[in-house]
Amino acid sequence: MWGPVALWLLLQGSVGWGIFIAIRGLLLVSSIDNFLRPYLLNQNSDLPLLLGLFGLICSVLAFGLIGPFLGPTLLAVAYNLFLEWAAAQTKDRIQSASPIPASDQHLESSR
C-alpha cells in the first residue's frame, strides 16, 4: 500500500514526502510484516509456518479484510481435525491387525 502512495507523492511533486513514505515503508512496515507475522502465526500453534503463511495469503484473497483473522483460525482448526482423524485411523488399523495364527507361526520362524 505504501508503494503506490510514495509513487503518487513523487509524481505530484512532493519529493520529500514521497521519499519519506518509501523509506518508512521499506524499513519499518516491510520489516515488521516479515518478522512479526511468522512469529504471531506460530506462537501457540502446531501449524507449520509455510502452511500458515499460505493460509494467510489465501484467506486475504478469499475473505478480504477479515481474512487475516478468520483464515488462519479456520486453517488451524482444519489442520488439527485432520491430525486427530489420521491418528484415529492409524490406531484403528493397529487394533484391527490380527496376530499371526498359531498354525502359521512355524512359517514365520523359518524365514
N, C-alpha and C. Protein backbone atom coordinates (compact mmCIF):
# COMPACT_ATOMS: atom_id res chain seq x y z
N MET A 1 0.82 -1.19 0.00
CA MET A 1 0.00 0.00 0.00
C MET A 1 0.87 1.26 0.00
N TRP A 2 2.00 1.20 0.66
CA TRP A 2 2.83 2.39 0.77
C TRP A 2 3.55 2.69 -0.53
N GLY A 3 3.79 1.69 -1.38
CA GLY A 3 4.49 1.89 -2.65
C GLY A 3 3.74 2.81 -3.60
N PRO A 4 2.46 2.53 -3.88
CA PRO A 4 1.70 3.43 -4.74
C PRO A 4 1.55 4.83 -4.16
N VAL A 5 1.43 4.92 -2.84
CA VAL A 5 1.31 6.25 -2.21
C VAL A 5 2.59 7.04 -2.40
N ALA A 6 3.74 6.39 -2.19
CA ALA A 6 5.02 7.07 -2.38
C ALA A 6 5.19 7.50 -3.83
N LEU A 7 4.82 6.63 -4.76
CA LEU A 7 4.92 6.98 -6.19
C LEU A 7 4.00 8.14 -6.53
N TRP A 8 2.79 8.13 -6.01
CA TRP A 8 1.85 9.21 -6.28
C TRP A 8 2.38 10.54 -5.73
N LEU A 9 2.95 10.51 -4.51
CA LEU A 9 3.51 11.73 -3.94
C LEU A 9 4.68 12.25 -4.77
N LEU A 10 5.53 11.35 -5.26
CA LEU A 10 6.64 11.77 -6.11
C LEU A 10 6.14 12.39 -7.40
N LEU A 11 5.12 11.79 -8.00
CA LEU A 11 4.58 12.32 -9.25
C LEU A 11 3.85 13.65 -9.05
N GLN A 12 3.33 13.89 -7.86
CA GLN A 12 2.63 15.14 -7.57
C GLN A 12 3.60 16.26 -7.19
N GLY A 13 4.87 15.94 -7.08
CA GLY A 13 5.85 16.97 -6.77
C GLY A 13 6.27 17.02 -5.31
N SER A 14 5.69 16.21 -4.47
CA SER A 14 6.07 16.16 -3.06
C SER A 14 7.19 15.14 -2.89
N VAL A 15 8.38 15.53 -3.34
CA VAL A 15 9.52 14.61 -3.36
C VAL A 15 9.91 14.20 -1.94
N GLY A 16 9.94 15.13 -1.03
CA GLY A 16 10.32 14.84 0.36
C GLY A 16 9.38 13.84 1.01
N TRP A 17 8.08 14.09 0.87
CA TRP A 17 7.10 13.16 1.45
C TRP A 17 7.13 11.81 0.74
N GLY A 18 7.33 11.81 -0.56
CA GLY A 18 7.40 10.56 -1.30
C GLY A 18 8.57 9.70 -0.86
N ILE A 19 9.74 10.34 -0.68
CA ILE A 19 10.92 9.61 -0.21
C ILE A 19 10.72 9.14 1.23
N PHE A 20 10.12 9.99 2.06
CA PHE A 20 9.85 9.62 3.45
C PHE A 20 8.95 8.39 3.53
N ILE A 21 7.87 8.40 2.76
CA ILE A 21 6.94 7.26 2.77
C ILE A 21 7.62 6.01 2.25
N ALA A 22 8.44 6.14 1.20
CA ALA A 22 9.13 4.98 0.63
C ALA A 22 10.13 4.38 1.64
N ILE A 23 10.91 5.23 2.29
CA ILE A 23 11.89 4.74 3.27
C ILE A 23 11.17 4.13 4.48
N ARG A 24 10.14 4.81 4.94
CA ARG A 24 9.36 4.29 6.07
C ARG A 24 8.75 2.94 5.72
N GLY A 25 8.22 2.82 4.52
CA GLY A 25 7.62 1.55 4.10
C GLY A 25 8.64 0.44 3.98
N LEU A 26 9.80 0.76 3.39
CA LEU A 26 10.83 -0.26 3.22
C LEU A 26 11.43 -0.71 4.55
N LEU A 27 11.74 0.24 5.40
CA LEU A 27 12.44 -0.10 6.64
C LEU A 27 11.51 -0.54 7.77
N LEU A 28 10.41 0.13 7.92
CA LEU A 28 9.56 -0.13 9.07
C LEU A 28 8.45 -1.13 8.77
N VAL A 29 7.64 -0.82 7.78
CA VAL A 29 6.46 -1.64 7.52
C VAL A 29 6.85 -3.02 7.00
N SER A 30 7.73 -3.10 6.04
CA SER A 30 8.10 -4.40 5.47
C SER A 30 8.83 -5.27 6.47
N SER A 31 9.71 -4.68 7.25
CA SER A 31 10.46 -5.50 8.22
C SER A 31 9.54 -6.03 9.32
N ILE A 32 8.63 -5.21 9.79
CA ILE A 32 7.69 -5.68 10.81
C ILE A 32 6.81 -6.78 10.23
N ASP A 33 6.36 -6.59 9.00
CA ASP A 33 5.50 -7.57 8.35
C ASP A 33 6.22 -8.89 8.15
N ASN A 34 7.49 -8.85 7.81
CA ASN A 34 8.24 -10.08 7.54
C ASN A 34 8.64 -10.82 8.81
N PHE A 35 8.79 -10.15 9.92
CA PHE A 35 9.23 -10.81 11.14
C PHE A 35 8.09 -11.05 12.13
N LEU A 36 7.17 -10.13 12.21
CA LEU A 36 6.10 -10.25 13.20
C LEU A 36 5.04 -11.27 12.78
N ARG A 37 4.70 -11.31 11.51
CA ARG A 37 3.66 -12.23 11.04
C ARG A 37 4.02 -13.69 11.29
N PRO A 38 5.22 -14.17 10.91
CA PRO A 38 5.54 -15.57 11.23
C PRO A 38 5.59 -15.85 12.73
N TYR A 39 6.03 -14.88 13.51
CA TYR A 39 6.07 -15.07 14.96
C TYR A 39 4.65 -15.23 15.52
N LEU A 40 3.74 -14.37 15.08
CA LEU A 40 2.37 -14.45 15.58
C LEU A 40 1.67 -15.71 15.10
N LEU A 41 1.99 -16.16 13.90
CA LEU A 41 1.35 -17.36 13.38
C LEU A 41 1.76 -18.60 14.15
N ASN A 42 3.00 -18.71 14.55
CA ASN A 42 3.50 -19.93 15.19
C ASN A 42 3.68 -19.81 16.69
N GLN A 43 3.18 -18.77 17.27
CA GLN A 43 3.39 -18.58 18.70
C GLN A 43 2.74 -19.69 19.53
N ASN A 44 1.50 -20.00 19.28
CA ASN A 44 0.80 -21.02 20.07
C ASN A 44 0.18 -22.07 19.17
N SER A 45 0.78 -22.34 18.07
CA SER A 45 0.17 -23.25 17.10
C SER A 45 1.16 -24.31 16.66
N ASP A 46 0.63 -25.50 16.38
CA ASP A 46 1.44 -26.56 15.80
C ASP A 46 1.41 -26.49 14.28
N LEU A 47 0.74 -25.51 13.74
CA LEU A 47 0.60 -25.35 12.30
C LEU A 47 1.95 -25.02 11.69
N PRO A 48 2.37 -25.76 10.66
CA PRO A 48 3.65 -25.44 10.01
C PRO A 48 3.65 -24.01 9.45
N LEU A 49 4.81 -23.38 9.47
CA LEU A 49 4.93 -21.98 9.07
C LEU A 49 4.47 -21.75 7.64
N LEU A 50 4.91 -22.58 6.71
CA LEU A 50 4.53 -22.37 5.31
C LEU A 50 3.04 -22.55 5.10
N LEU A 51 2.44 -23.52 5.78
CA LEU A 51 1.00 -23.71 5.67
C LEU A 51 0.26 -22.51 6.25
N GLY A 52 0.77 -21.97 7.34
CA GLY A 52 0.16 -20.78 7.93
C GLY A 52 0.25 -19.57 7.03
N LEU A 53 1.40 -19.35 6.42
CA LEU A 53 1.55 -18.21 5.50
C LEU A 53 0.68 -18.39 4.27
N PHE A 54 0.63 -19.62 3.74
CA PHE A 54 -0.23 -19.90 2.60
C PHE A 54 -1.70 -19.63 2.95
N GLY A 55 -2.11 -20.08 4.13
CA GLY A 55 -3.47 -19.84 4.58
C GLY A 55 -3.77 -18.37 4.78
N LEU A 56 -2.79 -17.64 5.27
CA LEU A 56 -2.97 -16.20 5.49
C LEU A 56 -3.16 -15.47 4.17
N ILE A 57 -2.33 -15.78 3.20
CA ILE A 57 -2.42 -15.12 1.90
C ILE A 57 -3.73 -15.48 1.20
N CYS A 58 -4.07 -16.76 1.21
CA CYS A 58 -5.30 -17.20 0.55
C CYS A 58 -6.54 -16.65 1.25
N SER A 59 -6.49 -16.53 2.56
CA SER A 59 -7.65 -16.01 3.27
C SER A 59 -7.88 -14.54 2.99
N VAL A 60 -6.82 -13.79 2.77
CA VAL A 60 -6.98 -12.38 2.40
C VAL A 60 -7.67 -12.30 1.04
N LEU A 61 -7.26 -13.16 0.12
CA LEU A 61 -7.89 -13.17 -1.20
C LEU A 61 -9.34 -13.64 -1.13
N ALA A 62 -9.62 -14.60 -0.27
CA ALA A 62 -10.97 -15.17 -0.21
C ALA A 62 -11.93 -14.33 0.63
N PHE A 63 -11.47 -13.83 1.78
CA PHE A 63 -12.37 -13.17 2.72
C PHE A 63 -12.19 -11.66 2.81
N GLY A 64 -11.16 -11.12 2.21
CA GLY A 64 -10.93 -9.68 2.26
C GLY A 64 -10.29 -9.26 3.57
N LEU A 65 -10.79 -8.16 4.14
CA LEU A 65 -10.18 -7.60 5.35
C LEU A 65 -10.27 -8.51 6.56
N ILE A 66 -11.30 -9.31 6.64
CA ILE A 66 -11.43 -10.21 7.79
C ILE A 66 -10.58 -11.47 7.61
N GLY A 67 -10.04 -11.67 6.43
CA GLY A 67 -9.26 -12.86 6.10
C GLY A 67 -8.08 -13.14 7.01
N PRO A 68 -7.25 -12.15 7.35
CA PRO A 68 -6.10 -12.44 8.23
C PRO A 68 -6.50 -12.97 9.61
N PHE A 69 -7.71 -12.70 10.04
CA PHE A 69 -8.17 -13.19 11.34
C PHE A 69 -8.93 -14.51 11.21
N LEU A 70 -9.76 -14.60 10.19
CA LEU A 70 -10.61 -15.77 10.01
C LEU A 70 -9.86 -16.94 9.38
N GLY A 71 -9.05 -16.68 8.37
CA GLY A 71 -8.38 -17.74 7.62
C GLY A 71 -7.45 -18.61 8.44
N PRO A 72 -6.46 -18.05 9.14
CA PRO A 72 -5.57 -18.89 9.93
C PRO A 72 -6.29 -19.65 11.04
N THR A 73 -7.35 -19.07 11.58
CA THR A 73 -8.12 -19.77 12.61
C THR A 73 -8.80 -21.00 12.03
N LEU A 74 -9.47 -20.82 10.90
CA LEU A 74 -10.13 -21.96 10.25
C LEU A 74 -9.11 -23.00 9.79
N LEU A 75 -7.98 -22.54 9.30
CA LEU A 75 -6.94 -23.47 8.84
C LEU A 75 -6.37 -24.27 10.01
N ALA A 76 -6.15 -23.63 11.14
CA ALA A 76 -5.62 -24.34 12.31
C ALA A 76 -6.62 -25.37 12.82
N VAL A 77 -7.91 -25.03 12.82
CA VAL A 77 -8.93 -25.99 13.24
C VAL A 77 -8.96 -27.17 12.29
N ALA A 78 -8.96 -26.90 10.98
CA ALA A 78 -8.98 -27.98 9.99
C ALA A 78 -7.73 -28.84 10.09
N TYR A 79 -6.59 -28.23 10.31
CA TYR A 79 -5.33 -28.98 10.43
C TYR A 79 -5.36 -29.90 11.64
N ASN A 80 -5.83 -29.39 12.78
CA ASN A 80 -5.90 -30.22 13.99
C ASN A 80 -6.94 -31.33 13.85
N LEU A 81 -8.06 -31.05 13.18
CA LEU A 81 -9.03 -32.10 12.93
C LEU A 81 -8.44 -33.19 12.05
N PHE A 82 -7.68 -32.80 11.04
CA PHE A 82 -7.03 -33.78 10.17
C PHE A 82 -6.03 -34.63 10.96
N LEU A 83 -5.24 -34.01 11.81
CA LEU A 83 -4.27 -34.76 12.61
C LEU A 83 -4.97 -35.76 13.54
N GLU A 84 -6.07 -35.33 14.16
CA GLU A 84 -6.82 -36.24 15.03
C GLU A 84 -7.42 -37.39 14.24
N TRP A 85 -7.97 -37.10 13.07
CA TRP A 85 -8.54 -38.14 12.22
C TRP A 85 -7.47 -39.14 11.79
N ALA A 86 -6.31 -38.63 11.38
CA ALA A 86 -5.22 -39.52 10.95
C ALA A 86 -4.74 -40.39 12.11
N ALA A 87 -4.66 -39.83 13.30
CA ALA A 87 -4.24 -40.62 14.47
C ALA A 87 -5.27 -41.70 14.79
N ALA A 88 -6.56 -41.36 14.67
CA ALA A 88 -7.61 -42.35 14.93
C ALA A 88 -7.58 -43.46 13.89
N GLN A 89 -7.34 -43.11 12.63
CA GLN A 89 -7.26 -44.12 11.58
C GLN A 89 -6.09 -45.06 11.82
N THR A 90 -4.96 -44.51 12.21
CA THR A 90 -3.78 -45.34 12.48
C THR A 90 -4.04 -46.26 13.67
N LYS A 91 -4.67 -45.73 14.71
CA LYS A 91 -4.98 -46.53 15.89
C LYS A 91 -5.94 -47.66 15.54
N ASP A 92 -6.95 -47.37 14.72
CA ASP A 92 -7.90 -48.40 14.30
C ASP A 92 -7.22 -49.49 13.49
N ARG A 93 -6.31 -49.12 12.61
CA ARG A 93 -5.60 -50.11 11.80
C ARG A 93 -4.71 -50.99 12.66
N ILE A 94 -4.07 -50.40 13.64
CA ILE A 94 -3.20 -51.19 14.52
C ILE A 94 -4.03 -52.16 15.35
N GLN A 95 -5.17 -51.69 15.86
CA GLN A 95 -6.01 -52.56 16.68
C GLN A 95 -6.67 -53.66 15.86
N SER A 96 -7.00 -53.37 14.61
CA SER A 96 -7.69 -54.37 13.79
C SER A 96 -6.73 -55.36 13.14
N ALA A 97 -5.44 -55.10 13.20
CA ALA A 97 -4.48 -56.04 12.64
C ALA A 97 -4.48 -57.30 13.49
N SER A 98 -4.70 -58.44 12.84
CA SER A 98 -4.79 -59.69 13.59
C SER A 98 -3.39 -60.28 13.77
N PRO A 99 -3.16 -60.91 14.90
CA PRO A 99 -1.86 -61.56 15.11
C PRO A 99 -1.74 -62.77 14.18
N ILE A 100 -0.55 -63.26 14.03
CA ILE A 100 -0.30 -64.41 13.18
C ILE A 100 -0.94 -65.64 13.81
N PRO A 101 -1.76 -66.39 13.05
CA PRO A 101 -2.37 -67.60 13.62
C PRO A 101 -1.30 -68.59 14.07
N ALA A 102 -1.66 -69.40 15.06
CA ALA A 102 -0.71 -70.37 15.62
C ALA A 102 -0.21 -71.34 14.57
N SER A 103 -1.05 -71.69 13.60
CA SER A 103 -0.64 -72.65 12.57
C SER A 103 0.40 -72.07 11.62
N ASP A 104 0.47 -70.73 11.51
CA ASP A 104 1.42 -70.09 10.60
C ASP A 104 2.69 -69.61 11.30
N GLN A 105 2.78 -69.75 12.60
CA GLN A 105 3.95 -69.25 13.32
C GLN A 105 5.21 -70.00 12.95
N HIS A 106 5.10 -71.27 12.63
CA HIS A 106 6.29 -72.01 12.23
C HIS A 106 6.81 -71.52 10.88
N LEU A 107 5.92 -71.00 10.02
CA LEU A 107 6.36 -70.43 8.75
C LEU A 107 7.13 -69.13 8.97
N GLU A 108 6.66 -68.32 9.91
CA GLU A 108 7.32 -67.05 10.21
C GLU A 108 8.70 -67.28 10.82
N SER A 109 8.82 -68.29 11.68
CA SER A 109 10.11 -68.53 12.32
C SER A 109 11.13 -69.13 11.37
N SER A 110 10.67 -69.76 10.29
CA SER A 110 11.61 -70.36 9.33
C SER A 110 12.14 -69.34 8.33
N ARG A 111 11.59 -68.16 8.28
CA ARG A 111 12.04 -67.14 7.31
C ARG A 111 13.27 -66.49 7.72
